[in-house]
């Protein structure tokens, strides 16, 4: 992301590391300014080296991560740049408000994605298939990109072409899961990121009746496996989470009895652990004014303790908290 995009979101001020007292903070500040000066003078190798020294001293220096990503992008080191951009967004999430700029940066860093979005835009109302969008390489061409994965997990997509592409990729992953195909580690990570995207956008992506029927079969299969205590395929679990929240599964708490890859475990946190905690915290939220209108009354926390606890007990999540 360039300086203009960053300044539109973040008020000017010294980096977080520069606010430290003592010699360490002074050293970090001096190195950061040296790196910025090298960047302005097009001494890119020197800038990279000095920004990395800043991050050795302060790994959470968001501006150094962002600037290092920009320099690496200029040098044509797209994959490395993507990782530093993703780290900058993690440390400075307010930058996500610059959604359009981030997408433009992502398309430049990841040409297969940029081309896929252009093809989706040119297709008007037609939703392209995975191969039509991404060519012979398919999902593998974009699945492991750090900035793409971070964007999917952090904010809802906000343009039609991107939504159509993700909807198409979701359908392809569903077909592979139902066919029992082996899923690569990058594809599984992408599926988990897409599942998080669907959860935060409240499952707004369109489906067909045939697609819904296949999802229902998958949900039933996984529910039966959990009830019986048999193994659950992680790829199928991630695919289901792209269509339905995991707490909708029967015996969902049994998912905690398994050892999962980090991407799946993070997915369980988003769709099982955090919703359960939110339900328990709801009673502690103070009411500033009386709530007495007909619409709000039925959903007040103290009007729903039975329903809430039934859900927690039925999923087995109450004992996990």
Protein backbone atom coordinates (compact mmCIF):
# COMPACT_ATOMS: atom_id res chain seq x y z
CA UNK A 1 0.00 0.00 0.00
CA UNK A 2 1.34 3.40 -0.88
CA UNK A 3 1.78 6.44 1.35
CA UNK A 4 -1.39 8.14 0.16
CA UNK A 5 -3.55 5.12 1.04
CA UNK A 6 -1.92 4.79 4.44
CA UNK A 7 -2.25 8.47 5.33
CA UNK A 8 -5.93 8.45 4.38
CA UNK A 9 -6.55 6.01 7.19
CA UNK A 10 -3.92 6.66 9.83
CA UNK A 11 -3.26 10.05 11.37
CA UNK A 12 0.36 11.15 10.99
CA UNK A 13 2.52 10.42 13.97
CA UNK A 14 5.66 8.62 15.05
CA UNK A 15 5.83 4.86 14.69
CA UNK A 16 4.87 2.87 17.78
CA UNK A 17 8.49 1.86 18.31
CA UNK A 18 9.59 5.50 18.22
CA UNK A 19 7.43 6.25 21.22
CA UNK A 20 9.55 3.96 23.36
CA UNK A 21 11.87 5.61 25.82
CA UNK A 22 15.58 4.88 25.94
CA UNK A 23 18.26 3.97 23.47
CA UNK A 24 16.36 1.08 21.86
CA UNK A 25 13.56 3.39 20.75
CA UNK A 26 16.03 5.95 19.45
CA UNK A 27 17.88 3.30 17.47
CA UNK A 28 14.68 2.00 15.91
CA UNK A 29 13.58 5.52 14.98
CA UNK A 30 16.93 6.35 13.40
CA UNK A 31 17.01 3.12 11.42
CA UNK A 32 13.46 3.65 10.20
CA UNK A 33 14.26 7.12 8.90
CA UNK A 34 17.46 5.81 7.26
CA UNK A 35 15.46 3.11 5.50
CA UNK A 36 12.87 5.63 4.32
CA UNK A 37 15.64 7.88 2.99
CA UNK A 38 17.20 4.97 1.09
CA UNK A 39 13.79 4.17 -0.37
CA UNK A 40 13.30 7.76 -1.52
CA UNK A 41 16.72 7.69 -3.16
CA UNK A 42 15.95 4.39 -4.90
CA UNK A 43 18.61 2.53 -2.95
CA UNK A 44 16.25 -0.39 -2.64
CA UNK A 45 18.64 -3.10 -1.46
CA UNK A 46 19.85 -0.81 1.32
CA UNK A 47 16.26 0.05 2.25
CA UNK A 48 15.33 -3.64 2.47
CA UNK A 49 18.28 -4.38 4.71
CA UNK A 50 17.59 -1.51 7.08
CA UNK A 51 13.82 -2.14 7.29
CA UNK A 52 14.62 -5.75 8.22
CA UNK A 53 16.97 -4.51 10.94
CA UNK A 54 14.08 -2.41 12.30
CA UNK A 55 11.89 -5.50 12.39
CA UNK A 56 14.55 -7.52 14.17
CA UNK A 57 14.47 -4.93 16.93
CA UNK A 58 10.70 -4.45 16.83
CA UNK A 59 8.75 -7.22 15.00
CA UNK A 60 5.49 -5.30 15.58
CA UNK A 61 6.55 -2.16 13.70
CA UNK A 62 3.58 -1.86 11.33
CA UNK A 63 4.96 0.95 9.17
CA UNK A 64 8.24 -0.89 8.63
CA UNK A 65 6.28 -3.99 7.53
CA UNK A 66 4.21 -1.94 5.11
CA UNK A 67 7.20 -0.04 3.71
CA UNK A 68 9.25 -3.20 3.36
CA UNK A 69 6.40 -4.79 1.44
CA UNK A 70 6.29 -1.79 -0.87
CA UNK A 71 10.04 -1.94 -1.56
CA UNK A 72 9.96 -5.69 -2.18
CA UNK A 73 7.01 -5.23 -4.54
CA UNK A 74 9.04 -2.64 -6.47
CA UNK A 75 11.85 -5.19 -6.71
CA UNK A 76 9.47 -7.77 -8.15
CA UNK A 77 9.54 -10.01 -5.04
CA UNK A 78 5.79 -10.41 -4.94
CA UNK A 79 5.43 -13.37 -2.57
CA UNK A 80 7.70 -11.87 0.07
CA UNK A 81 6.01 -8.48 -0.30
CA UNK A 82 2.61 -10.07 0.18
CA UNK A 83 3.69 -11.54 3.50
CA UNK A 84 4.86 -8.18 4.85
CA UNK A 85 1.69 -6.44 3.66
CA UNK A 86 -0.40 -9.06 5.46
CA UNK A 87 1.65 -8.52 8.61
CA UNK A 88 1.11 -4.76 8.36
CA UNK A 89 -2.66 -5.27 8.16
CA UNK A 90 -2.54 -7.55 11.18
CA UNK A 91 -0.74 -4.88 13.18
CA UNK A 92 -2.73 -1.95 11.76
CA UNK A 93 -6.23 -3.32 10.94
CA UNK A 94 -7.62 0.17 10.32
CA UNK A 95 -5.84 -0.03 6.96
CA UNK A 96 -8.56 -2.47 5.89
CA UNK A 97 -10.75 0.60 5.40
CA UNK A 98 -8.68 1.16 2.25
CA UNK A 99 -10.30 -1.90 0.68
CA UNK A 100 -10.07 -0.75 -2.93
CA UNK A 101 -6.37 0.08 -2.62
CA UNK A 102 -5.63 -3.26 -0.96
CA UNK A 103 -7.42 -5.12 -3.76
CA UNK A 104 -5.45 -3.19 -6.37
CA UNK A 105 -2.20 -4.06 -4.59
CA UNK A 106 -3.28 -7.70 -4.35
CA UNK A 107 -4.11 -7.89 -8.05
CA UNK A 108 -0.70 -6.42 -8.89
CA UNK A 109 1.12 -8.85 -6.61
CA UNK A 110 -0.87 -11.87 -7.77
CA UNK A 111 -1.40 -11.66 -11.56
CA UNK A 112 -3.54 -14.85 -11.77
CA UNK A 113 -5.99 -13.27 -9.34
CA UNK A 114 -5.98 -9.97 -11.20
CA UNK A 115 -6.68 -11.76 -14.48
CA UNK A 116 -9.42 -13.87 -12.88
CA UNK A 117 -11.15 -10.73 -11.60
CA UNK A 118 -10.89 -9.11 -15.03
CA UNK A 119 -12.44 -12.19 -16.64
CA UNK A 120 -15.25 -12.22 -14.10
CA UNK A 121 -15.95 -8.54 -14.77
CA UNK A 122 -15.95 -9.08 -18.54
CA UNK A 123 -18.36 -12.01 -18.24
CA UNK A 124 -21.17 -9.68 -17.17
CA UNK A 125 -23.73 -11.68 -15.18
CA UNK A 126 -22.25 -15.12 -15.89
CA UNK A 127 -20.31 -16.81 -13.10
CA UNK A 128 -17.20 -18.45 -14.51
CA UNK A 129 -15.88 -21.82 -13.41
CA UNK A 130 -12.58 -22.27 -11.62
CA UNK A 131 -10.74 -23.23 -14.81
CA UNK A 132 -12.36 -20.41 -16.79
CA UNK A 133 -11.21 -17.90 -14.17
CA UNK A 134 -7.79 -19.22 -13.20
CA UNK A 135 -6.79 -21.39 -16.16
CA UNK A 136 -5.11 -24.78 -15.92
CA UNK A 137 -3.34 -23.93 -12.65
CA UNK A 138 -6.68 -23.45 -10.92
CA UNK A 139 -6.87 -22.66 -7.23
CA UNK A 140 -3.19 -23.55 -6.73
CA UNK A 141 -2.23 -20.32 -8.51
CA UNK A 142 -3.58 -18.16 -5.65
CA UNK A 143 -4.26 -20.43 -2.65
CA UNK A 144 -1.12 -19.69 -0.62
CA UNK A 145 -0.88 -15.92 -1.03
CA UNK A 146 -0.59 -14.35 2.47
CA UNK A 147 -2.30 -11.05 1.63
CA UNK A 148 -5.26 -12.78 -0.05
CA UNK A 149 -5.71 -15.14 2.90
CA UNK A 150 -5.57 -12.27 5.38
CA UNK A 151 -8.07 -10.20 3.42
CA UNK A 152 -10.55 -13.07 3.23
CA UNK A 153 -10.38 -13.63 6.98
CA UNK A 154 -10.59 -9.98 7.98
CA UNK A 155 -13.29 -8.13 6.02
CA UNK A 156 -16.20 -8.93 3.70
CA UNK A 157 -15.46 -8.68 0.00
CA UNK A 158 -17.16 -5.65 -1.51
CA UNK A 159 -17.22 -6.09 -5.26
CA UNK A 160 -19.21 -8.34 -7.57
CA UNK A 161 -16.32 -9.85 -9.52
CA UNK A 162 -14.53 -10.96 -6.37
CA UNK A 163 -17.75 -12.39 -4.93
CA UNK A 164 -18.43 -14.39 -8.10
CA UNK A 165 -14.89 -15.75 -8.15
CA UNK A 166 -15.10 -16.87 -4.53
CA UNK A 167 -18.54 -18.37 -5.09
CA UNK A 168 -17.16 -20.38 -8.00
CA UNK A 169 -14.14 -21.56 -6.01
CA UNK A 170 -16.40 -22.57 -3.14
CA UNK A 171 -18.48 -24.71 -5.48
CA UNK A 172 -15.35 -26.35 -6.85
CA UNK A 173 -14.09 -27.15 -3.36
CA UNK A 174 -17.47 -28.64 -2.49
CA UNK A 175 -17.36 -30.91 -5.54
CA UNK A 176 -13.85 -32.09 -4.64
CA UNK A 177 -14.83 -32.76 -1.03
CA UNK A 178 -17.92 -34.76 -2.02
CA UNK A 179 -15.79 -36.79 -4.43
CA UNK A 180 -13.25 -37.56 -1.71
CA UNK A 181 -10.36 -35.96 -3.56
CA UNK A 182 -7.11 -35.35 -1.70
CA UNK A 183 -6.73 -31.72 -0.63
CA UNK A 184 -3.32 -30.07 -0.57
CA UNK A 185 -2.21 -28.07 2.45
CA UNK A 186 -2.47 -24.72 0.59
CA UNK A 187 -5.97 -25.61 -0.65
CA UNK A 188 -7.04 -26.53 2.89
CA UNK A 189 -5.70 -23.22 4.19
CA UNK A 190 -7.57 -21.36 1.47
CA UNK A 191 -10.78 -23.30 2.24
CA UNK A 192 -10.52 -22.28 5.90
CA UNK A 193 -9.95 -18.64 4.95
CA UNK A 194 -12.94 -18.74 2.60
CA UNK A 195 -15.03 -20.34 5.35
CA UNK A 196 -14.13 -17.42 7.63
CA UNK A 197 -15.09 -15.00 4.86
CA UNK A 198 -18.48 -16.66 4.51
CA UNK A 199 -19.03 -16.59 8.27
CA UNK A 200 -18.28 -12.86 8.57
CA UNK A 201 -20.42 -12.01 5.52
CA UNK A 202 -23.26 -14.10 7.02
CA UNK A 203 -23.23 -16.62 4.16
CA UNK A 204 -24.43 -14.11 1.61
CA UNK A 205 -22.94 -15.89 -1.44
CA UNK A 206 -25.56 -17.33 -3.77
CA UNK A 207 -26.23 -21.06 -4.01
CA UNK A 208 -28.31 -23.31 -6.27
CA UNK A 209 -30.87 -25.87 -5.02
CA UNK A 210 -28.57 -28.68 -6.16
CA UNK A 211 -25.69 -27.12 -4.25
CA UNK A 212 -27.80 -26.80 -1.11
CA UNK A 213 -28.78 -30.46 -1.35
CA UNK A 214 -25.14 -31.52 -1.54
CA UNK A 215 -24.28 -29.36 1.46
CA UNK A 216 -27.12 -30.94 3.44
CA UNK A 217 -25.76 -34.40 2.62
CA UNK A 218 -22.29 -33.33 3.69
CA UNK A 219 -23.62 -31.91 6.95
CA UNK A 220 -25.45 -35.16 7.65
CA UNK A 221 -22.35 -37.23 6.89
CA UNK A 222 -20.14 -35.19 9.20
CA UNK A 223 -22.78 -35.13 11.94
CA UNK A 224 -23.08 -38.92 11.80
CA UNK A 225 -19.30 -39.28 11.98
CA UNK A 226 -19.09 -37.06 15.05
CA UNK A 227 -21.93 -38.90 16.77
CA UNK A 228 -20.31 -42.25 16.04
CA UNK A 229 -16.86 -41.03 17.04
CA UNK A 230 -15.30 -41.80 13.67
CA UNK A 231 -12.74 -39.71 11.83
CA UNK A 232 -13.79 -36.44 10.19
CA UNK A 233 -12.07 -35.31 7.01
CA UNK A 234 -10.65 -31.80 7.63
CA UNK A 235 -11.27 -30.73 4.04
CA UNK A 236 -14.94 -31.69 4.30
CA UNK A 237 -15.20 -29.84 7.60
CA UNK A 238 -13.72 -26.68 6.06
CA UNK A 239 -16.04 -26.97 3.06
CA UNK A 240 -19.11 -27.32 5.26
CA UNK A 241 -18.00 -24.22 7.19
CA UNK A 242 -18.11 -22.29 3.89
CA UNK A 243 -21.86 -22.95 3.74
CA UNK A 244 -23.07 -23.45 7.30
CA UNK A 245 -21.71 -22.37 10.72
CA UNK A 246 -20.07 -25.32 12.43
CA UNK A 247 -22.18 -24.96 15.55
CA UNK A 248 -25.07 -26.26 13.40
CA UNK A 249 -23.41 -29.69 13.42
CA UNK A 250 -24.73 -32.35 15.77
CA UNK A 251 -22.21 -33.13 18.55
CA UNK A 252 -20.08 -30.18 17.45
CA UNK A 253 -18.12 -30.21 20.72
CA UNK A 254 -16.52 -33.51 19.71
CA UNK A 255 -14.50 -31.56 17.20
CA UNK A 256 -12.41 -30.40 20.16
CA UNK A 257 -11.38 -34.00 20.86
CA UNK A 258 -9.25 -34.11 17.70
CA UNK A 259 -5.87 -32.67 16.85
CA UNK A 260 -6.30 -30.29 13.93
CA UNK A 261 -4.02 -28.28 11.71
CA UNK A 262 -3.75 -24.63 12.86
CA UNK A 263 -6.05 -23.42 10.07
CA UNK A 264 -8.85 -25.77 11.19
CA UNK A 265 -8.33 -24.93 14.87
CA UNK A 266 -8.62 -21.21 14.07
CA UNK A 267 -11.84 -21.99 12.23
CA UNK A 268 -13.21 -23.76 15.30
CA UNK A 269 -12.36 -20.68 17.35
CA UNK A 270 -14.29 -18.42 14.99
CA UNK A 271 -17.36 -20.61 14.56
CA UNK A 272 -17.59 -22.46 17.90
CA UNK A 273 -15.54 -21.00 20.73
CA UNK A 274 -16.17 -17.30 20.16
CA UNK A 275 -19.96 -17.55 19.55
CA UNK A 276 -20.32 -19.57 22.75
CA UNK A 277 -18.42 -16.95 24.75
CA UNK A 278 -20.53 -14.17 23.21
CA UNK A 279 -23.72 -15.89 24.31
CA UNK A 280 -22.46 -16.19 27.87
CA UNK A 281 -21.32 -12.55 27.94
CA UNK A 282 -24.63 -11.26 26.67
CA UNK A 283 -26.19 -11.21 30.13
CA UNK A 284 -23.44 -8.95 31.45
CA UNK A 285 -23.98 -6.16 28.90
CA UNK A 286 -25.54 -3.16 30.71
CA UNK A 287 -28.73 -1.59 29.37
CA UNK A 288 -28.50 2.17 29.26
CA UNK A 289 -32.23 2.67 28.65
CA UNK A 290 -35.32 0.46 29.03
CA UNK A 291 -36.10 -1.75 26.04
CA UNK A 292 -39.86 -1.98 25.66
CA UNK A 293 -40.71 -2.06 21.95
CA UNK A 294 -42.40 -5.16 20.56
CA UNK A 295 -39.58 -6.09 18.19
CA UNK A 296 -36.71 -5.95 20.68
CA UNK A 297 -38.46 -7.56 23.65
CA UNK A 298 -38.40 -11.16 22.36
CA UNK A 299 -34.61 -11.11 21.80
CA UNK A 300 -33.52 -9.66 25.14
CA UNK A 301 -30.99 -11.92 26.89
CA UNK A 302 -33.20 -12.52 29.91
CA UNK A 303 -36.05 -13.56 27.59
CA UNK A 304 -33.93 -16.26 25.98
CA UNK A 305 -31.94 -18.08 28.71
CA UNK A 306 -33.57 -21.40 27.97
CA UNK A 307 -32.95 -21.21 24.22
CA UNK A 308 -29.39 -20.04 24.80
CA UNK A 309 -28.55 -22.82 27.24
CA UNK A 310 -30.26 -25.43 25.10
CA UNK A 311 -27.97 -24.43 22.25
CA UNK A 312 -24.88 -24.47 24.45
CA UNK A 313 -25.73 -27.84 25.94
CA UNK A 314 -26.80 -29.38 22.63
CA UNK A 315 -23.48 -28.50 21.06
CA UNK A 316 -21.59 -29.44 24.19
CA UNK A 317 -19.89 -26.05 24.21
CA UNK A 318 -20.96 -25.05 27.72
CA UNK A 319 -18.57 -27.57 29.24
CA UNK A 320 -15.75 -26.19 27.08
CA UNK A 321 -15.92 -22.71 28.64
